Amino acid sequence: MTVIHVCIATGQNAANFIPLKQYGAQEVWILETPAMKAQKSGDDLKAALAPYVASVRCLNFDDKNPETITASAAKLANDSLDGKDVIFHITGGTKLMVLAIHQELALLGSGTGSYKAIYADTQNQTIDWMDAKPSQESMQDVLSLQDLLLLRGYRTTSDTRPAKDQQRAADRAKVSRHMGDHAQELGKFFSNLAYRANLAVDGGSLSQEFDYPPGGPAAKLLKLSVSNKLLEWTEGRTEVTFADRDCARFFAGGWTEEFVFLKMTGLLKAGQYALNVKVRQSRTATDNEIDAIAVKNNRALLVECKSGKQDKAQESIYKLSQVVRQVGGLMAKGLYVSAQNLTEADLARAKEYGIEVLAAENLSRVSEYLRNWAKTA
């Protein structure tokens, strides 16, 4: 007999989804209160489960007051689940709702059916089983990037498969790694280069002029870029010519994203990360673009990448904090990566919003940061 998994739609559906996927549930009933139905939380969970679960149903549950809660719980148990094998996921819902359902479903074990309760602790990455022999198990790393987005009510409007981005980033890896590892000494040249690259991206000539002939670390970067066929430049000259507009976009700021992406590539599996992700909130038609996003151990990391002068850093940091909360959920983190130093006021604002910052000389610590995040996520 197929086991029926009963769960309660909630604004944090990952706690429902993770054990359902981990234990290979094949029949899931999602209880929806009027509030959760209005938020379409049950629809979000159902959409995320669709690739993995054979049968998913959404059922109305009236939680208006203790009387309706008790009546709804009794109807669920007596009319629908009598004689069935049931696992009740108690992570969502109010305490009163969970208690009422638990009391009714617990009676199933005295008949021909069976009953177990399960609690998912996403904070500690554990799953607790409550039955005759209570036990605790570790959560498996089952949440993919697409799972996360669907659970949060988002749909991707861009290709999140990493193969194409991997190849493009690999072709320019020597240059992006050099820029990331030498961000401190390159300093203001990033802004000069990004400014001219942006002129080319916006429809201007691919050939642009610096105010003076680049030298020192800047000249070394340009020589490396020439050898990798990303631009043309002659030492001692002020003119630089980008190979094409895609290369101009790379120097305008895309290199920081590719630098982070390369570090993710060596650490994560396909389906756990993506570059330049465009998402749309299906209920509000709100669009967001995320420079880089990763999911590891069922938790998300969203990254904002900047290379030029940080005139509006606080605005960007605030926007990132909002996207982290809306797209990533309660357990998500935000990382702000900048080739330029931030002001003390910028750093204070980032701390206030819970955003971590790697800037200038600390840019070379991206690999270390990602490894630590992956271990502790």
Protein backbone atom coordinates (compact mmCIF):
# COMPACT_ATOMS: atom_id res chain seq x y z
CA MET A 1 0.00 0.00 0.00
CA THR A 2 1.28 3.47 -0.89
CA VAL A 3 2.13 5.65 2.09
CA ILE A 4 0.30 8.98 2.10
CA HIS A 5 2.39 11.95 3.20
CA VAL A 6 0.30 14.75 4.68
CA CYS A 7 1.84 18.20 5.07
CA ILE A 8 0.69 21.76 5.68
CA ALA A 9 1.39 24.48 3.12
CA THR A 10 3.62 27.17 4.59
CA GLY A 11 5.61 30.19 3.49
CA GLN A 12 8.79 28.17 4.10
CA ASN A 13 7.96 25.09 2.04
CA ALA A 14 11.54 23.80 1.89
CA ALA A 15 10.95 22.14 5.26
CA ASN A 16 8.11 20.17 3.66
CA PHE A 17 9.86 19.51 0.37
CA ILE A 18 13.23 18.22 1.63
CA PRO A 19 11.98 15.12 3.52
CA LEU A 20 9.39 14.38 0.81
CA LYS A 21 12.15 14.25 -1.79
CA GLN A 22 14.66 12.58 0.51
CA TYR A 23 12.32 9.68 1.33
CA GLY A 24 10.90 9.34 -2.17
CA ALA A 25 7.26 10.12 -1.34
CA GLN A 26 4.86 9.03 -4.09
CA GLU A 27 1.55 10.36 -2.75
CA VAL A 28 1.37 13.76 -1.05
CA TRP A 29 -1.61 15.63 0.37
CA ILE A 30 -1.04 19.33 1.00
CA LEU A 31 -3.39 21.00 3.50
CA GLU A 32 -4.09 24.62 2.62
CA THR A 33 -5.49 27.17 5.05
CA PRO A 34 -7.26 30.17 3.46
CA ALA A 35 -4.15 32.33 4.08
CA MET A 36 -1.80 29.83 2.44
CA LYS A 37 -4.25 29.33 -0.42
CA ALA A 38 -4.25 33.09 -1.06
CA GLN A 39 -0.45 33.07 -1.13
CA LYS A 40 -0.49 29.99 -3.41
CA SER A 41 1.99 28.25 -1.12
CA GLY A 42 0.39 24.88 -1.86
CA ASP A 43 0.69 25.52 -5.59
CA ASP A 44 4.37 26.34 -5.17
CA LEU A 45 5.02 23.13 -3.26
CA LYS A 46 3.03 21.10 -5.78
CA ALA A 47 5.01 22.58 -8.69
CA ALA A 48 8.33 21.75 -7.01
CA LEU A 49 7.20 18.19 -6.23
CA ALA A 50 5.82 17.48 -9.72
CA PRO A 51 9.05 16.00 -11.18
CA TYR A 52 9.49 13.63 -8.24
CA VAL A 53 6.07 12.62 -6.88
CA ALA A 54 3.44 10.60 -8.76
CA SER A 55 0.38 12.10 -7.05
CA VAL A 56 0.02 15.48 -5.31
CA ARG A 57 -3.29 16.86 -4.00
CA CYS A 58 -4.13 20.19 -2.38
CA LEU A 59 -6.94 20.06 0.23
CA ASN A 60 -8.72 22.96 1.92
CA PHE A 61 -8.32 23.21 5.69
CA ASP A 62 -10.37 25.67 7.74
CA ASP A 63 -8.25 27.13 10.58
CA LYS A 64 -10.56 30.02 11.47
CA ASN A 65 -11.01 28.95 15.10
CA PRO A 66 -10.53 25.90 17.38
CA GLU A 67 -13.92 24.49 16.39
CA THR A 68 -13.24 24.58 12.64
CA ILE A 69 -9.70 23.26 13.15
CA THR A 70 -10.99 20.28 15.12
CA ALA A 71 -13.74 19.59 12.61
CA SER A 72 -11.33 19.80 9.66
CA ALA A 73 -8.86 17.48 11.36
CA ALA A 74 -11.60 14.93 12.15
CA LYS A 75 -12.92 15.03 8.59
CA LEU A 76 -9.43 14.47 7.20
CA ALA A 77 -8.82 11.45 9.42
CA ASN A 78 -12.22 9.79 9.35
CA ASP A 79 -13.40 10.44 5.80
CA SER A 80 -10.15 10.25 3.89
CA LEU A 81 -7.39 8.45 5.77
CA ASP A 82 -9.06 5.71 7.79
CA GLY A 83 -7.21 2.45 7.19
CA LYS A 84 -4.33 4.16 5.34
CA ASP A 85 -0.61 4.27 6.07
CA VAL A 86 0.10 7.92 6.86
CA ILE A 87 3.13 10.09 7.59
CA PHE A 88 2.24 13.53 8.92
CA HIS A 89 4.79 16.32 8.42
CA ILE A 90 4.39 18.58 11.43
CA THR A 91 6.80 21.35 10.40
CA GLY A 92 4.16 23.78 9.04
CA GLY A 93 0.94 25.17 10.48
CA THR A 94 0.05 26.60 13.88
CA LYS A 95 0.55 24.60 17.08
CA LEU A 96 -3.19 24.22 17.51
CA MET A 97 -3.61 22.96 13.97
CA VAL A 98 -0.75 20.46 14.27
CA LEU A 99 -2.02 19.21 17.64
CA ALA A 100 -5.57 18.68 16.37
CA ILE A 101 -4.42 16.78 13.26
CA HIS A 102 -1.94 14.71 15.26
CA GLN A 103 -4.60 13.67 17.78
CA GLU A 104 -6.93 12.51 15.02
CA LEU A 105 -4.30 10.74 12.90
CA ALA A 106 -2.73 9.00 15.89
CA LEU A 107 -5.88 6.87 16.09
CA LEU A 108 -5.07 5.34 12.70
CA GLY A 109 -2.48 3.12 14.34
CA SER A 110 -5.16 1.38 16.40
CA GLY A 111 -6.96 0.20 13.26
CA THR A 112 -5.75 -1.30 10.01
CA GLY A 113 -3.67 1.73 9.10
CA SER A 114 -0.40 3.10 10.47
CA TYR A 115 0.80 6.53 11.54
CA LYS A 116 4.10 8.36 11.99
CA ALA A 117 4.90 12.02 12.51
CA ILE A 118 7.98 13.70 11.07
CA TYR A 119 9.61 17.07 11.80
CA ALA A 120 12.19 18.75 9.54
CA ASP A 121 14.65 21.09 11.27
CA THR A 122 16.26 23.10 8.46
CA GLN A 123 18.30 25.14 10.96
CA ASN A 124 20.17 22.07 12.19
CA GLN A 125 19.70 20.00 9.02
CA THR A 126 18.02 17.11 10.83
CA ILE A 127 14.81 15.11 10.41
CA ASP A 128 13.05 13.79 13.52
CA TRP A 129 10.72 10.77 13.44
CA MET A 130 8.06 10.54 16.15
CA ASP A 131 6.58 7.05 16.54
CA ALA A 132 6.99 4.03 18.83
CA LYS A 133 10.76 4.31 18.36
CA PRO A 134 11.63 8.01 18.01
CA SER A 135 14.75 8.69 15.94
CA GLN A 136 16.72 11.43 14.25
CA GLU A 137 18.40 11.42 10.83
CA SER A 138 20.52 13.91 8.92
CA MET A 139 19.02 15.82 6.04
CA GLN A 140 20.48 14.87 2.70
CA ASP A 141 21.65 17.50 0.23
CA VAL A 142 18.59 17.18 -2.04
CA LEU A 143 17.53 20.75 -2.87
CA SER A 144 18.49 21.86 -6.38
CA LEU A 145 18.49 25.41 -7.67
CA GLN A 146 15.27 24.83 -9.63
CA ASP A 147 13.63 23.22 -6.58
CA LEU A 148 14.45 26.28 -4.49
CA LEU A 149 13.08 28.73 -7.04
CA LEU A 150 9.83 26.80 -7.53
CA LEU A 151 9.28 26.52 -3.78
CA ARG A 152 9.62 30.29 -3.48
CA GLY A 153 7.10 30.88 -6.29
CA TYR A 154 9.68 31.86 -8.90
CA ARG A 155 10.15 30.75 -12.49
CA THR A 156 13.38 31.16 -14.41
CA THR A 157 13.27 33.25 -17.57
CA SER A 158 16.88 32.46 -18.53
CA ASP A 159 18.87 29.29 -19.15
CA THR A 160 20.33 28.17 -15.81
CA ARG A 161 22.29 25.25 -17.24
CA PRO A 162 25.96 25.94 -16.50
CA ALA A 163 27.63 24.28 -19.51
CA LYS A 164 27.58 27.32 -21.82
CA ASP A 165 28.63 29.70 -19.04
CA GLN A 166 31.32 27.24 -17.95
CA GLN A 167 32.87 27.16 -21.40
CA ARG A 168 32.80 30.93 -21.80
CA ALA A 169 34.24 31.46 -18.32
CA ALA A 170 36.90 28.81 -18.91
CA ASP A 171 38.02 30.54 -22.12
CA ARG A 172 38.62 33.73 -20.14
CA ALA A 173 39.69 32.08 -16.88
CA LYS A 174 43.30 33.30 -16.92
CA VAL A 175 42.20 36.90 -17.26
CA SER A 176 39.34 36.84 -14.74
CA ARG A 177 41.47 34.99 -12.18
CA HIS A 178 44.29 37.49 -12.67
CA MET A 179 41.89 40.38 -12.14
CA GLY A 180 40.40 38.80 -9.03
CA ASP A 181 43.73 37.85 -7.50
CA HIS A 182 45.27 41.29 -8.20
CA ALA A 183 42.27 43.48 -7.48
CA GLN A 184 44.06 45.55 -4.84
CA GLU A 185 46.99 46.58 -7.03
CA LEU A 186 44.81 47.22 -10.08
CA GLY A 187 42.66 49.57 -8.00
CA LYS A 188 41.13 52.48 -9.91
CA PHE A 189 42.11 51.01 -13.28
CA PHE A 190 39.07 48.75 -12.97
CA SER A 191 36.83 51.83 -13.11
CA ASN A 192 38.76 53.30 -16.06
CA LEU A 193 38.55 50.04 -17.99
CA ALA A 194 34.89 49.42 -17.08
CA TYR A 195 33.93 52.95 -18.15
CA ARG A 196 35.41 52.51 -21.61
CA ALA A 197 34.04 48.99 -21.93
CA ASN A 198 30.56 50.27 -21.11
CA LEU A 199 30.84 52.86 -23.88
CA ALA A 200 31.52 50.01 -26.31
CA VAL A 201 28.68 47.89 -24.89
CA ASP A 202 26.22 50.76 -25.27
CA GLY A 203 26.78 50.96 -29.01
CA GLY A 204 29.92 53.05 -29.16
CA SER A 205 33.08 52.11 -30.98
CA LEU A 206 34.91 48.98 -29.88
CA SER A 207 38.03 51.17 -29.94
CA GLN A 208 38.31 53.44 -26.90
CA GLU A 209 40.97 55.84 -25.57
CA PHE A 210 42.49 56.02 -22.09
CA ASP A 211 43.52 59.42 -20.80
CA TYR A 212 47.11 58.20 -20.52
CA PRO A 213 49.07 55.08 -21.55
CA PRO A 214 48.41 52.31 -18.97
CA GLY A 215 51.49 51.05 -17.17
CA GLY A 216 52.51 48.78 -14.29
CA PRO A 217 49.80 46.32 -13.15
CA ALA A 218 47.34 47.81 -15.69
CA ALA A 219 49.74 47.14 -18.57
CA LYS A 220 50.32 43.59 -17.33
CA LEU A 221 46.55 42.96 -17.35
CA LEU A 222 46.16 44.37 -20.85
CA LYS A 223 49.05 42.24 -22.15
CA LEU A 224 47.42 39.13 -20.68
CA SER A 225 44.10 40.14 -22.26
CA VAL A 226 45.81 40.58 -25.63
CA SER A 227 47.39 37.12 -25.41
CA ASN A 228 43.93 35.68 -24.67
CA LYS A 229 42.45 37.54 -27.69
CA LEU A 230 40.01 39.57 -25.63
CA LEU A 231 41.27 42.93 -26.88
CA GLU A 232 43.98 44.67 -28.89
CA TRP A 233 46.46 47.07 -27.31
CA THR A 234 50.03 48.18 -27.91
CA GLU A 235 52.22 49.02 -24.95
CA GLY A 236 52.74 52.74 -24.59
CA ARG A 237 49.55 53.58 -26.51
CA THR A 238 46.26 54.92 -25.14
CA GLU A 239 43.95 53.13 -27.56
CA VAL A 240 42.35 49.80 -26.65
CA THR A 241 40.06 47.80 -28.96
CA PHE A 242 37.75 45.16 -27.51
CA ALA A 243 37.48 41.96 -29.57
CA ASP A 244 33.67 42.21 -29.63
CA ARG A 245 30.80 43.50 -27.50
CA ASP A 246 30.73 40.32 -25.43
CA CYS A 247 34.36 40.93 -24.49
CA ALA A 248 33.47 44.55 -23.73
CA ARG A 249 30.73 43.30 -21.38
CA PHE A 250 33.33 41.08 -19.71
CA PHE A 251 35.56 44.09 -18.93
CA ALA A 252 32.55 46.26 -18.05
CA GLY A 253 31.91 44.02 -15.05
CA GLY A 254 31.10 40.52 -16.24
CA TRP A 255 34.55 39.31 -15.21
CA THR A 256 33.64 39.53 -11.52
CA GLU A 257 30.66 37.24 -12.13
CA GLU A 258 32.79 34.79 -14.09
CA PHE A 259 35.47 34.92 -11.39
CA VAL A 260 32.91 33.86 -8.78
CA PHE A 261 31.35 31.34 -11.17
CA LEU A 262 34.72 29.65 -11.79
CA LYS A 263 35.16 29.19 -8.06
CA MET A 264 31.68 27.67 -7.80
CA THR A 265 32.39 25.31 -10.70
CA GLY A 266 35.09 23.50 -8.79
CA LEU A 267 32.99 23.15 -5.67
CA LEU A 268 29.39 22.43 -6.70
CA LYS A 269 27.50 20.01 -8.93
CA ALA A 270 25.49 20.90 -12.02
CA GLY A 271 22.03 22.01 -10.94
CA GLN A 272 23.36 23.63 -7.78
CA TYR A 273 24.57 26.93 -9.25
CA ALA A 274 24.11 29.33 -12.14
CA LEU A 275 25.30 32.65 -13.51
CA ASN A 276 23.13 35.64 -14.48
CA VAL A 277 19.86 34.06 -13.41
CA LYS A 278 16.71 35.92 -14.42
CA VAL A 279 13.64 35.00 -12.36
CA ARG A 280 10.01 36.10 -12.29
CA GLN A 281 7.69 35.92 -9.31
CA SER A 282 4.63 34.32 -10.93
CA ARG A 283 2.09 35.94 -8.61
CA THR A 284 3.37 39.53 -8.82
CA ALA A 285 5.11 39.40 -12.22
CA THR A 286 8.16 40.90 -10.46
CA ASP A 287 11.45 40.32 -12.27
CA ASN A 288 14.85 39.98 -10.63
CA GLU A 289 18.30 39.30 -12.02
CA ILE A 290 20.84 37.54 -9.83
CA ASP A 291 24.52 37.71 -10.81
CA ALA A 292 25.31 34.30 -9.32
CA ILE A 293 23.35 31.86 -7.15
CA ALA A 294 24.27 28.57 -5.51
CA VAL A 295 22.45 25.96 -3.42
CA LYS A 296 24.31 23.62 -1.11
CA ASN A 297 23.05 21.53 1.80
CA ASN A 298 19.54 22.85 1.09
CA ARG A 299 20.55 26.50 1.57
CA ALA A 300 21.10 29.28 -0.93
CA LEU A 301 23.83 31.83 -1.53
CA LEU A 302 23.03 34.84 -3.72
CA VAL A 303 25.91 36.95 -5.04
CA GLU A 304 26.01 40.52 -6.36
CA CYS A 305 29.15 41.37 -8.37
CA LYS A 306 30.53 44.87 -9.02
CA SER A 307 33.74 46.03 -10.68
CA GLY A 308 33.51 49.79 -11.19
CA LYS A 309 33.36 52.72 -8.79
CA GLN A 310 30.87 52.07 -6.01
CA ASP A 311 28.79 55.25 -6.01
CA LYS A 312 25.55 53.42 -5.14
CA ALA A 313 26.87 50.55 -3.05
CA GLN A 314 24.34 51.00 -0.24
CA GLU A 315 21.46 50.91 -2.71
CA SER A 316 22.85 47.71 -4.28
CA ILE A 317 23.42 46.12 -0.87
CA TYR A 318 19.84 46.87 0.20
CA LYS A 319 18.48 45.41 -3.05
CA LEU A 320 20.57 42.27 -2.56
CA SER A 321 19.26 41.85 0.99
CA GLN A 322 15.69 41.98 -0.31
CA VAL A 323 16.35 39.46 -3.08
CA VAL A 324 18.07 37.13 -0.60
CA ARG A 325 14.98 37.15 1.61
CA GLN A 326 12.44 36.88 -1.21
CA VAL A 327 14.18 34.35 -3.44
CA GLY A 328 16.44 32.46 -1.06
CA GLY A 329 14.28 32.27 2.06
CA LEU A 330 15.15 32.42 5.74
CA MET A 331 18.27 30.26 5.54
CA ALA A 332 19.83 32.03 2.55
CA LYS A 333 22.92 34.24 2.64
CA GLY A 334 24.00 37.19 0.51
CA LEU A 335 27.53 37.99 -0.68
CA TYR A 336 28.57 41.32 -2.19
CA VAL A 337 31.69 41.04 -4.34
CA SER A 338 33.45 44.25 -5.42
CA ALA A 339 36.71 44.93 -7.24
CA GLN A 340 36.80 48.32 -5.49
CA ASN A 341 36.97 49.08 -1.78
CA LEU A 342 33.76 50.09 -0.03
CA THR A 343 33.44 52.97 2.41
CA GLU A 344 32.98 52.41 6.12
CA ALA A 345 29.37 53.55 5.72
CA ASP A 346 28.84 50.97 2.97
CA LEU A 347 30.31 48.21 5.14
CA ALA A 348 28.16 49.25 8.09
CA ARG A 349 25.05 49.09 5.92
CA ALA A 350 26.03 45.64 4.67
CA LYS A 351 26.45 44.43 8.26
CA GLU A 352 23.05 45.89 9.16
CA TYR A 353 21.39 43.95 6.33
CA GLY A 354 23.29 40.72 7.00
CA ILE A 355 25.26 40.90 3.73
CA GLU A 356 28.86 39.70 3.70
CA VAL A 357 31.40 41.64 1.63
CA LEU A 358 34.55 40.64 -0.23
CA ALA A 359 36.17 43.69 -1.82
CA ALA A 360 39.50 44.70 -3.38
CA GLU A 361 42.34 42.77 -1.70
CA ASN A 362 39.82 40.35 -0.16
CA LEU A 363 38.48 39.37 -3.58
CA SER A 364 41.10 36.62 -3.76
CA ARG A 365 39.36 34.99 -0.76
CA VAL A 366 36.28 34.00 -2.79
CA SER A 367 37.38 30.35 -2.95
CA GLU A 368 37.97 30.23 0.79
CA TYR A 369 34.60 31.88 1.45
CA LEU A 370 32.73 29.44 -0.79
CA ARG A 371 34.43 26.41 0.79
CA ASN A 372 33.51 27.59 4.28
CA TRP A 373 29.95 28.37 3.20
CA ALA A 374 29.55 24.94 1.62
CA LYS A 375 30.73 23.26 4.83
CA THR A 376 28.53 25.27 7.16
CA ALA A 377 25.49 25.90 4.92
